[in-house]
């Protein structure tokens, strides 16, 4: 799990470098850019991260997130970070 924790920090740094801020919404920690709200979640069963996306604060408050792609720990960090950046740039509004 140590690698997952380190990778999570690197993924979050990617969000911040792309202009996202941290905000509590409905008691959950979200990463926010304009009207885009997301959460980064680790799924033990799959040994993967997923970015969950909501298109507004209202959707985020109602926990109406849609799942993005899975980013598996078996892949190299740089491959994951490039894929994460690509997804972020496609989803942020």
N, C-alpha and C. Protein backbone atom coordinates (compact mmCIF):
# COMPACT_ATOMS: atom_id res chain seq x y z
N UNK A 1 0.83 -1.20 0.00
CA UNK A 1 0.00 0.00 0.00
C UNK A 1 0.86 1.25 0.00
N UNK A 2 2.12 1.12 0.39
CA UNK A 2 2.99 2.30 0.42
C UNK A 2 3.11 2.93 -0.96
N UNK A 3 3.25 2.09 -2.00
CA UNK A 3 3.34 2.62 -3.35
C UNK A 3 2.06 3.36 -3.72
N UNK A 4 0.91 2.82 -3.32
CA UNK A 4 -0.37 3.46 -3.61
C UNK A 4 -0.44 4.84 -2.96
N UNK A 5 0.00 4.95 -1.73
CA UNK A 5 -0.02 6.24 -1.02
C UNK A 5 0.90 7.25 -1.70
N UNK A 6 2.07 6.80 -2.13
CA UNK A 6 3.00 7.70 -2.81
C UNK A 6 2.45 8.13 -4.17
N UNK A 7 1.86 7.18 -4.89
CA UNK A 7 1.30 7.50 -6.19
C UNK A 7 0.11 8.43 -6.06
N UNK A 8 -0.69 8.24 -5.02
CA UNK A 8 -1.84 9.13 -4.80
C UNK A 8 -1.35 10.57 -4.64
N UNK A 9 -0.28 10.78 -3.90
CA UNK A 9 0.27 12.13 -3.74
C UNK A 9 0.71 12.70 -5.07
N UNK A 10 1.33 11.88 -5.90
CA UNK A 10 1.80 12.34 -7.21
C UNK A 10 0.63 12.67 -8.13
N UNK A 11 -0.42 11.87 -8.07
CA UNK A 11 -1.62 12.15 -8.87
C UNK A 11 -2.25 13.46 -8.40
N UNK A 12 -2.37 13.65 -7.08
CA UNK A 12 -2.93 14.90 -6.55
C UNK A 12 -2.08 16.09 -6.98
N UNK A 13 -0.77 15.95 -6.98
CA UNK A 13 0.11 17.03 -7.44
C UNK A 13 -0.18 17.38 -8.89
N UNK A 14 -0.51 16.38 -9.70
CA UNK A 14 -0.87 16.63 -11.09
C UNK A 14 -2.13 17.49 -11.16
N UNK A 15 -3.13 17.17 -10.35
CA UNK A 15 -4.34 17.99 -10.29
C UNK A 15 -4.00 19.44 -9.93
N UNK A 16 -3.22 19.62 -8.88
CA UNK A 16 -2.89 20.97 -8.41
C UNK A 16 -2.09 21.74 -9.47
N UNK A 17 -1.19 21.06 -10.15
CA UNK A 17 -0.39 21.70 -11.21
C UNK A 17 -1.28 22.15 -12.38
N UNK A 18 -2.42 21.49 -12.55
CA UNK A 18 -3.35 21.83 -13.63
C UNK A 18 -4.45 22.79 -13.16
N UNK A 19 -4.27 23.38 -11.98
CA UNK A 19 -5.17 24.44 -11.53
C UNK A 19 -6.30 24.02 -10.61
N UNK A 20 -6.34 22.78 -10.17
CA UNK A 20 -7.40 22.34 -9.26
C UNK A 20 -7.10 22.80 -7.84
N UNK A 21 -8.16 22.98 -7.06
CA UNK A 21 -8.06 23.30 -5.64
C UNK A 21 -8.79 22.23 -4.85
N UNK A 22 -8.48 22.16 -3.58
CA UNK A 22 -9.13 21.20 -2.67
C UNK A 22 -10.30 21.90 -1.98
N UNK A 23 -11.43 21.19 -1.88
CA UNK A 23 -12.62 21.76 -1.24
C UNK A 23 -13.43 20.63 -0.62
N UNK A 24 -14.02 20.89 0.54
CA UNK A 24 -14.91 19.91 1.17
C UNK A 24 -16.33 20.14 0.62
N UNK A 25 -16.93 19.09 0.10
CA UNK A 25 -18.28 19.16 -0.46
C UNK A 25 -19.07 17.98 0.07
N UNK A 26 -20.14 18.28 0.78
CA UNK A 26 -20.96 17.20 1.34
C UNK A 26 -20.18 16.29 2.27
N UNK A 27 -19.20 16.85 2.95
CA UNK A 27 -18.39 16.07 3.88
C UNK A 27 -17.29 15.25 3.21
N UNK A 28 -17.11 15.43 1.90
CA UNK A 28 -16.09 14.68 1.17
C UNK A 28 -15.08 15.64 0.57
N UNK A 29 -13.85 15.18 0.52
CA UNK A 29 -12.76 15.97 -0.04
C UNK A 29 -12.81 15.87 -1.56
N UNK A 30 -13.00 17.00 -2.22
CA UNK A 30 -13.06 17.04 -3.68
C UNK A 30 -11.93 17.91 -4.21
N UNK A 31 -11.56 17.62 -5.43
CA UNK A 31 -10.64 18.46 -6.19
C UNK A 31 -11.50 19.20 -7.19
N UNK A 32 -11.34 20.53 -7.25
CA UNK A 32 -12.28 21.38 -7.97
C UNK A 32 -11.56 22.28 -8.97
N UNK A 33 -12.14 22.37 -10.16
CA UNK A 33 -11.66 23.29 -11.20
C UNK A 33 -12.90 23.83 -11.90
N UNK A 34 -13.20 25.10 -11.72
CA UNK A 34 -14.40 25.67 -12.32
C UNK A 34 -15.62 24.92 -11.84
N UNK A 35 -16.38 24.35 -12.80
CA UNK A 35 -17.58 23.59 -12.45
C UNK A 35 -17.32 22.09 -12.37
N UNK A 36 -16.05 21.69 -12.43
CA UNK A 36 -15.68 20.28 -12.38
C UNK A 36 -15.28 19.89 -10.96
N UNK A 37 -15.94 18.86 -10.44
CA UNK A 37 -15.66 18.34 -9.11
C UNK A 37 -15.26 16.88 -9.26
N UNK A 38 -14.21 16.49 -8.57
CA UNK A 38 -13.80 15.08 -8.66
C UNK A 38 -13.21 14.59 -7.35
N UNK A 39 -13.19 13.27 -7.25
CA UNK A 39 -12.57 12.60 -6.11
C UNK A 39 -11.65 11.53 -6.65
N UNK A 40 -10.52 11.38 -6.02
CA UNK A 40 -9.56 10.33 -6.36
C UNK A 40 -9.75 9.20 -5.36
N UNK A 41 -10.06 8.01 -5.86
CA UNK A 41 -10.38 6.87 -5.01
C UNK A 41 -9.47 5.69 -5.36
N UNK A 42 -9.00 5.00 -4.33
CA UNK A 42 -8.23 3.78 -4.53
C UNK A 42 -9.14 2.59 -4.28
N UNK A 43 -9.13 1.62 -5.20
CA UNK A 43 -9.96 0.42 -5.09
C UNK A 43 -9.03 -0.77 -4.84
N UNK A 44 -9.02 -1.25 -3.60
CA UNK A 44 -8.13 -2.35 -3.21
C UNK A 44 -8.30 -3.59 -4.09
N UNK A 45 -9.55 -3.95 -4.32
CA UNK A 45 -9.84 -5.18 -5.07
C UNK A 45 -9.15 -5.19 -6.44
N UNK A 46 -9.12 -4.03 -7.08
CA UNK A 46 -8.50 -3.93 -8.41
C UNK A 46 -7.06 -3.44 -8.37
N UNK A 47 -6.60 -3.03 -7.16
CA UNK A 47 -5.27 -2.41 -7.05
C UNK A 47 -5.14 -1.30 -8.08
N UNK A 48 -6.14 -0.38 -8.03
CA UNK A 48 -6.20 0.68 -9.03
C UNK A 48 -6.83 1.94 -8.44
N UNK A 49 -6.48 3.07 -9.04
CA UNK A 49 -7.13 4.34 -8.73
C UNK A 49 -8.20 4.61 -9.78
N UNK A 50 -9.21 5.35 -9.38
CA UNK A 50 -10.22 5.85 -10.32
C UNK A 50 -10.49 7.30 -9.94
N UNK A 51 -10.71 8.12 -10.95
CA UNK A 51 -11.13 9.51 -10.72
C UNK A 51 -12.63 9.53 -10.95
N UNK A 52 -13.36 10.00 -9.95
CA UNK A 52 -14.81 10.11 -10.04
C UNK A 52 -15.15 11.58 -10.34
N UNK A 53 -15.97 11.80 -11.36
CA UNK A 53 -16.23 13.14 -11.87
C UNK A 53 -17.68 13.56 -11.66
N UNK A 54 -17.88 14.83 -11.29
CA UNK A 54 -19.21 15.45 -11.23
C UNK A 54 -19.12 16.79 -11.96
N UNK A 55 -20.20 17.14 -12.65
CA UNK A 55 -20.19 18.34 -13.47
C UNK A 55 -20.63 19.61 -12.77
N UNK A 56 -20.99 19.51 -11.49
CA UNK A 56 -21.40 20.70 -10.74
C UNK A 56 -21.29 20.42 -9.25
N UNK A 57 -21.33 21.49 -8.47
CA UNK A 57 -21.31 21.33 -7.02
C UNK A 57 -22.54 20.56 -6.55
N UNK A 58 -23.70 20.86 -7.16
CA UNK A 58 -24.93 20.16 -6.80
C UNK A 58 -24.81 18.66 -7.01
N UNK A 59 -24.24 18.25 -8.13
CA UNK A 59 -24.04 16.82 -8.39
C UNK A 59 -23.09 16.23 -7.35
N UNK A 60 -22.03 16.97 -7.03
CA UNK A 60 -21.06 16.48 -6.04
C UNK A 60 -21.72 16.33 -4.67
N UNK A 61 -22.54 17.30 -4.29
CA UNK A 61 -23.23 17.24 -3.00
C UNK A 61 -24.17 16.04 -2.92
N UNK A 62 -24.75 15.66 -4.07
CA UNK A 62 -25.67 14.52 -4.13
C UNK A 62 -24.94 13.21 -4.42
N UNK A 63 -23.61 13.27 -4.45
CA UNK A 63 -22.76 12.10 -4.71
C UNK A 63 -23.06 11.48 -6.08
N UNK A 64 -23.31 12.33 -7.07
CA UNK A 64 -23.63 11.89 -8.43
C UNK A 64 -22.36 11.92 -9.29
N UNK A 65 -21.36 11.18 -8.86
CA UNK A 65 -20.09 11.13 -9.58
C UNK A 65 -20.13 10.01 -10.62
N UNK A 66 -19.47 10.24 -11.73
CA UNK A 66 -19.29 9.21 -12.75
C UNK A 66 -17.84 8.77 -12.73
N UNK A 67 -17.62 7.47 -12.86
CA UNK A 67 -16.26 6.93 -12.82
C UNK A 67 -15.53 7.18 -14.13
N UNK A 68 -14.26 7.54 -13.99
CA UNK A 68 -13.37 7.62 -15.14
C UNK A 68 -12.69 6.28 -15.34
N UNK A 69 -11.57 6.31 -16.01
CA UNK A 69 -10.80 5.09 -16.26
C UNK A 69 -10.13 4.60 -14.98
N UNK A 70 -9.81 3.31 -14.96
CA UNK A 70 -9.03 2.74 -13.87
C UNK A 70 -7.54 2.88 -14.20
N UNK A 71 -6.76 3.23 -13.19
CA UNK A 71 -5.31 3.36 -13.33
C UNK A 71 -4.68 2.32 -12.40
N UNK A 72 -4.17 1.24 -13.00
CA UNK A 72 -3.72 0.08 -12.25
C UNK A 72 -2.29 0.24 -11.73
N UNK A 73 -2.06 -0.19 -10.49
CA UNK A 73 -0.74 -0.10 -9.89
C UNK A 73 0.31 -0.95 -10.61
N UNK A 74 -0.12 -1.91 -11.38
CA UNK A 74 0.84 -2.76 -12.10
C UNK A 74 1.56 -1.97 -13.20
N UNK A 75 0.99 -0.83 -13.60
CA UNK A 75 1.62 0.00 -14.63
C UNK A 75 2.68 0.91 -14.00
N UNK A 76 3.68 1.30 -14.77
CA UNK A 76 4.70 2.23 -14.25
C UNK A 76 4.08 3.58 -13.88
N UNK A 77 4.64 4.22 -12.87
CA UNK A 77 4.12 5.51 -12.41
C UNK A 77 3.99 6.52 -13.54
N UNK A 78 5.00 6.64 -14.38
CA UNK A 78 4.97 7.66 -15.44
C UNK A 78 3.86 7.38 -16.44
N UNK A 79 3.57 6.13 -16.72
CA UNK A 79 2.46 5.76 -17.61
C UNK A 79 1.14 6.19 -16.98
N UNK A 80 0.99 5.92 -15.70
CA UNK A 80 -0.22 6.30 -14.98
C UNK A 80 -0.38 7.81 -14.96
N UNK A 81 0.67 8.52 -14.64
CA UNK A 81 0.59 9.98 -14.54
C UNK A 81 0.26 10.62 -15.89
N UNK A 82 0.80 10.10 -16.98
CA UNK A 82 0.46 10.63 -18.31
C UNK A 82 -1.02 10.38 -18.62
N UNK A 83 -1.51 9.18 -18.29
CA UNK A 83 -2.92 8.85 -18.53
C UNK A 83 -3.84 9.69 -17.66
N UNK A 84 -3.45 9.92 -16.41
CA UNK A 84 -4.23 10.77 -15.50
C UNK A 84 -4.31 12.19 -16.06
N UNK A 85 -3.17 12.72 -16.48
CA UNK A 85 -3.16 14.09 -17.02
C UNK A 85 -4.06 14.19 -18.26
N UNK A 86 -4.02 13.19 -19.12
CA UNK A 86 -4.86 13.18 -20.32
C UNK A 86 -6.34 13.20 -19.93
N UNK A 87 -6.72 12.37 -18.94
CA UNK A 87 -8.12 12.34 -18.51
C UNK A 87 -8.53 13.66 -17.87
N UNK A 88 -7.68 14.23 -17.04
CA UNK A 88 -7.99 15.51 -16.40
C UNK A 88 -8.24 16.58 -17.46
N UNK A 89 -7.35 16.69 -18.42
CA UNK A 89 -7.49 17.72 -19.46
C UNK A 89 -8.76 17.52 -20.29
N UNK A 90 -9.18 16.28 -20.47
CA UNK A 90 -10.41 16.00 -21.22
C UNK A 90 -11.67 16.31 -20.42
N UNK A 91 -11.61 16.19 -19.10
CA UNK A 91 -12.80 16.31 -18.25
C UNK A 91 -13.00 17.68 -17.60
N UNK A 92 -11.94 18.43 -17.38
CA UNK A 92 -12.11 19.69 -16.63
C UNK A 92 -12.84 20.73 -17.48
N UNK A 93 -13.69 21.51 -16.80
CA UNK A 93 -14.48 22.54 -17.47
C UNK A 93 -14.45 23.82 -16.67
